[in-house]
Amino acid sequence: MAVAEGRESWSRSVEYLLATAGYAVGLGNVWRFPYLCYRSGGGAFLIPFFIMLVLCGIPLLYMEMAVGQYTQQGPIGAIAKLCPFFKGAGIATVVISFLFTTYYNVIITWAFYYLFSSFTSKLPWSDCSNDWNSDDCFDGNNKTVTDPITNVTTVILRSNDSLSPTEDFYE
């Protein structure tokens, strides 16, 4: 970005285009779009999708960018400058953006946690012998517990409430 007359501006149009495309195409689009396409009829879903993209999506995106460029303000100030009555819509936009950002940060954090947990020499979800395992963890073998005082061995069978080691790690 180059600085011109006290405010930042893009030095080339390509930079602006790539930045806006990066904001428009997020992680949710990458993993949910193929699923929604499959669930909503496969390739036939693409016809109404592209019609709505051309008729609503792109014009609304362009309008939002044009209003921001014209008013030289953020969402709250831009809408308040155009119509003070709709200032709440700008506030709602910021609140929704904050909630989505928080949601995606949590998802990415969990993905990184599971990814880095998989780099250990013994996977934490391979069996039920960890300190953090719950009593419901069951790794496929019948458990035997021997009481040292009465010398009675009890076989604990898997119940319907039991969890696999993977489920127990996830929970």
Protein backbone atom coordinates (compact mmCIF):
# COMPACT_ATOMS: atom_id res chain seq x y z
CA MET A 1 0.00 0.00 0.00
CA ALA A 2 1.20 3.46 -0.83
CA VAL A 3 0.46 6.51 1.29
CA ALA A 4 -1.16 9.40 -0.60
CA GLU A 5 -2.45 12.61 0.99
CA GLY A 6 -2.46 11.27 4.55
CA ARG A 7 -4.35 8.05 3.89
CA GLU A 8 -3.33 4.67 2.56
CA SER A 9 -4.17 3.59 -0.97
CA TRP A 10 -3.40 0.61 -3.18
CA SER A 11 -0.35 1.02 -5.40
CA ARG A 12 -1.78 -1.32 -8.09
CA SER A 13 -5.28 -2.45 -8.98
CA VAL A 14 -4.24 -6.10 -8.85
CA GLU A 15 -3.36 -5.78 -5.15
CA TYR A 16 -6.82 -4.42 -4.40
CA LEU A 17 -8.49 -7.16 -6.46
CA LEU A 18 -6.54 -9.94 -4.73
CA ALA A 19 -7.21 -8.47 -1.27
CA THR A 20 -10.97 -8.27 -1.86
CA ALA A 21 -11.03 -11.79 -3.34
CA GLY A 22 -9.16 -13.02 -0.26
CA TYR A 23 -11.78 -11.49 2.02
CA ALA A 24 -14.70 -12.80 -0.05
CA VAL A 25 -13.47 -16.41 -0.39
CA GLY A 26 -12.93 -17.67 3.12
CA LEU A 27 -12.40 -21.01 4.80
CA GLY A 28 -16.15 -21.64 5.07
CA ASN A 29 -16.53 -21.43 1.30
CA VAL A 30 -13.75 -23.94 0.72
CA TRP A 31 -15.05 -26.71 2.97
CA ARG A 32 -18.82 -26.09 2.90
CA PHE A 33 -19.46 -25.29 -0.75
CA PRO A 34 -18.81 -28.81 -2.14
CA TYR A 35 -20.96 -30.30 0.64
CA LEU A 36 -23.82 -27.86 0.01
CA CYS A 37 -23.53 -28.41 -3.73
CA TYR A 38 -23.81 -32.19 -3.26
CA ARG A 39 -26.66 -31.89 -0.76
CA SER A 40 -28.63 -29.46 -2.94
CA GLY A 41 -28.61 -31.42 -6.17
CA GLY A 42 -25.05 -31.62 -7.43
CA GLY A 43 -24.26 -29.81 -10.67
CA ALA A 44 -27.85 -28.60 -11.04
CA PHE A 45 -27.28 -26.46 -7.93
CA LEU A 46 -24.64 -24.45 -9.80
CA ILE A 47 -27.23 -22.92 -12.17
CA PRO A 48 -29.26 -21.05 -9.51
CA PHE A 49 -26.05 -20.37 -7.58
CA PHE A 50 -24.42 -18.52 -10.49
CA ILE A 51 -27.69 -16.72 -11.35
CA MET A 52 -27.93 -15.39 -7.76
CA LEU A 53 -24.22 -14.62 -7.75
CA VAL A 54 -24.56 -12.44 -10.85
CA LEU A 55 -27.90 -10.83 -9.89
CA CYS A 56 -27.35 -10.29 -6.14
CA GLY A 57 -23.92 -11.25 -4.83
CA ILE A 58 -21.60 -9.28 -7.11
CA PRO A 59 -23.78 -6.11 -7.24
CA LEU A 60 -24.10 -6.06 -3.44
CA LEU A 61 -20.37 -6.59 -3.01
CA TYR A 62 -19.66 -3.78 -5.47
CA MET A 63 -22.18 -1.49 -3.75
CA GLU A 64 -20.61 -2.17 -0.36
CA MET A 65 -17.13 -1.40 -1.67
CA ALA A 66 -18.36 1.73 -3.50
CA VAL A 67 -20.05 3.06 -0.36
CA GLY A 68 -16.88 2.45 1.63
CA GLN A 69 -14.75 4.20 -1.00
CA TYR A 70 -17.19 7.11 -1.33
CA THR A 71 -17.55 7.79 2.39
CA GLN A 72 -13.96 6.78 3.27
CA GLN A 73 -15.27 5.20 6.48
CA GLY A 74 -15.83 1.78 8.00
CA PRO A 75 -19.19 -0.02 8.13
CA ILE A 76 -20.64 1.95 11.04
CA GLY A 77 -19.57 5.39 9.81
CA ALA A 78 -20.38 4.73 6.15
CA ILE A 79 -23.98 3.71 6.74
CA ALA A 80 -24.45 6.49 9.32
CA LYS A 81 -23.15 9.02 6.79
CA LEU A 82 -25.58 7.83 4.10
CA CYS A 83 -28.60 7.42 6.36
CA PRO A 84 -28.28 8.03 10.11
CA PHE A 85 -31.47 6.04 10.68
CA PHE A 86 -29.69 2.83 9.55
CA LYS A 87 -26.60 3.24 11.75
CA GLY A 88 -27.67 0.08 13.59
CA ALA A 89 -27.16 -1.94 10.41
CA GLY A 90 -23.49 -0.93 10.42
CA ILE A 91 -23.16 -1.90 14.07
CA ALA A 92 -24.86 -5.25 13.34
CA THR A 93 -22.38 -5.87 10.51
CA VAL A 94 -19.44 -5.35 12.84
CA VAL A 95 -20.97 -7.56 15.56
CA ILE A 96 -21.67 -10.37 13.08
CA SER A 97 -18.12 -10.12 11.71
CA PHE A 98 -16.77 -10.38 15.27
CA LEU A 99 -18.89 -13.48 16.01
CA PHE A 100 -17.87 -15.24 12.77
CA THR A 101 -14.22 -14.40 13.35
CA THR A 102 -14.36 -15.83 16.87
CA TYR A 103 -16.13 -18.96 15.61
CA TYR A 104 -13.57 -19.60 12.88
CA ASN A 105 -10.65 -18.93 15.24
CA VAL A 106 -11.93 -21.63 17.59
CA ILE A 107 -12.33 -24.11 14.71
CA ILE A 108 -8.81 -23.41 13.43
CA THR A 109 -7.39 -23.70 16.96
CA TRP A 110 -8.97 -27.13 17.46
CA ALA A 111 -7.68 -28.26 14.06
CA PHE A 112 -4.14 -27.18 15.02
CA TYR A 113 -4.48 -28.88 18.43
CA TYR A 114 -5.42 -32.22 16.86
CA LEU A 115 -2.77 -31.82 14.16
CA PHE A 116 0.04 -31.23 16.67
CA SER A 117 -1.29 -33.99 18.95
CA SER A 118 -0.84 -36.42 16.07
CA PHE A 119 2.92 -35.74 15.93
CA THR A 120 3.64 -37.56 19.21
CA SER A 121 5.36 -40.96 19.12
CA LYS A 122 2.33 -42.64 20.75
CA LEU A 123 -0.99 -41.20 19.62
CA PRO A 124 -3.00 -39.93 22.61
CA TRP A 125 -6.18 -41.56 21.28
CA SER A 126 -4.68 -45.02 20.68
CA ASP A 127 -5.80 -46.50 24.02
CA CYS A 128 -7.47 -45.72 27.35
CA SER A 129 -4.33 -45.68 29.53
CA ASN A 130 -3.95 -41.88 29.74
CA ASP A 131 -4.55 -39.74 32.83
CA TRP A 132 -7.24 -37.71 31.10
CA ASN A 133 -9.36 -40.71 29.98
CA SER A 134 -12.83 -40.90 31.47
CA ASP A 135 -14.33 -43.97 33.12
CA ASP A 136 -16.44 -44.50 29.99
CA CYS A 137 -13.38 -45.04 27.78
CA PHE A 138 -13.25 -48.56 26.34
CA ASP A 139 -10.53 -49.64 23.92
CA GLY A 140 -12.05 -52.90 22.69
CA ASN A 141 -10.75 -55.35 25.28
CA ASN A 142 -12.78 -56.49 28.25
CA LYS A 143 -11.32 -54.90 31.35
CA THR A 144 -10.52 -57.03 34.37
CA VAL A 145 -10.21 -55.49 37.79
CA THR A 146 -8.82 -57.53 40.71
CA ASP A 147 -9.59 -56.45 44.26
CA PRO A 148 -6.36 -57.00 46.25
CA ILE A 149 -8.18 -57.58 49.56
CA THR A 150 -10.77 -60.16 48.52
CA ASN A 151 -8.77 -61.45 45.50
CA VAL A 152 -11.96 -61.30 43.40
CA THR A 153 -11.53 -60.58 39.72
CA THR A 154 -14.33 -58.69 38.02
CA VAL A 155 -14.69 -58.51 34.26
CA ILE A 156 -16.05 -55.17 33.06
CA LEU A 157 -17.94 -55.56 29.81
CA ARG A 158 -18.42 -52.76 27.33
CA SER A 159 -21.62 -50.82 27.97
CA ASN A 160 -23.70 -48.82 25.52
CA ASP A 161 -22.46 -45.60 27.18
CA SER A 162 -18.80 -46.39 26.55
CA LEU A 163 -16.59 -44.27 24.30
CA SER A 164 -13.77 -45.31 22.02
CA PRO A 165 -10.37 -43.81 22.89
CA THR A 166 -10.72 -41.47 19.89
CA GLU A 167 -14.14 -40.24 21.03
CA ASP A 168 -12.86 -39.86 24.58
CA PHE A 169 -9.91 -37.77 23.39
CA TYR A 170 -12.24 -35.60 21.30
CA GLU A 171 -14.68 -35.07 24.16
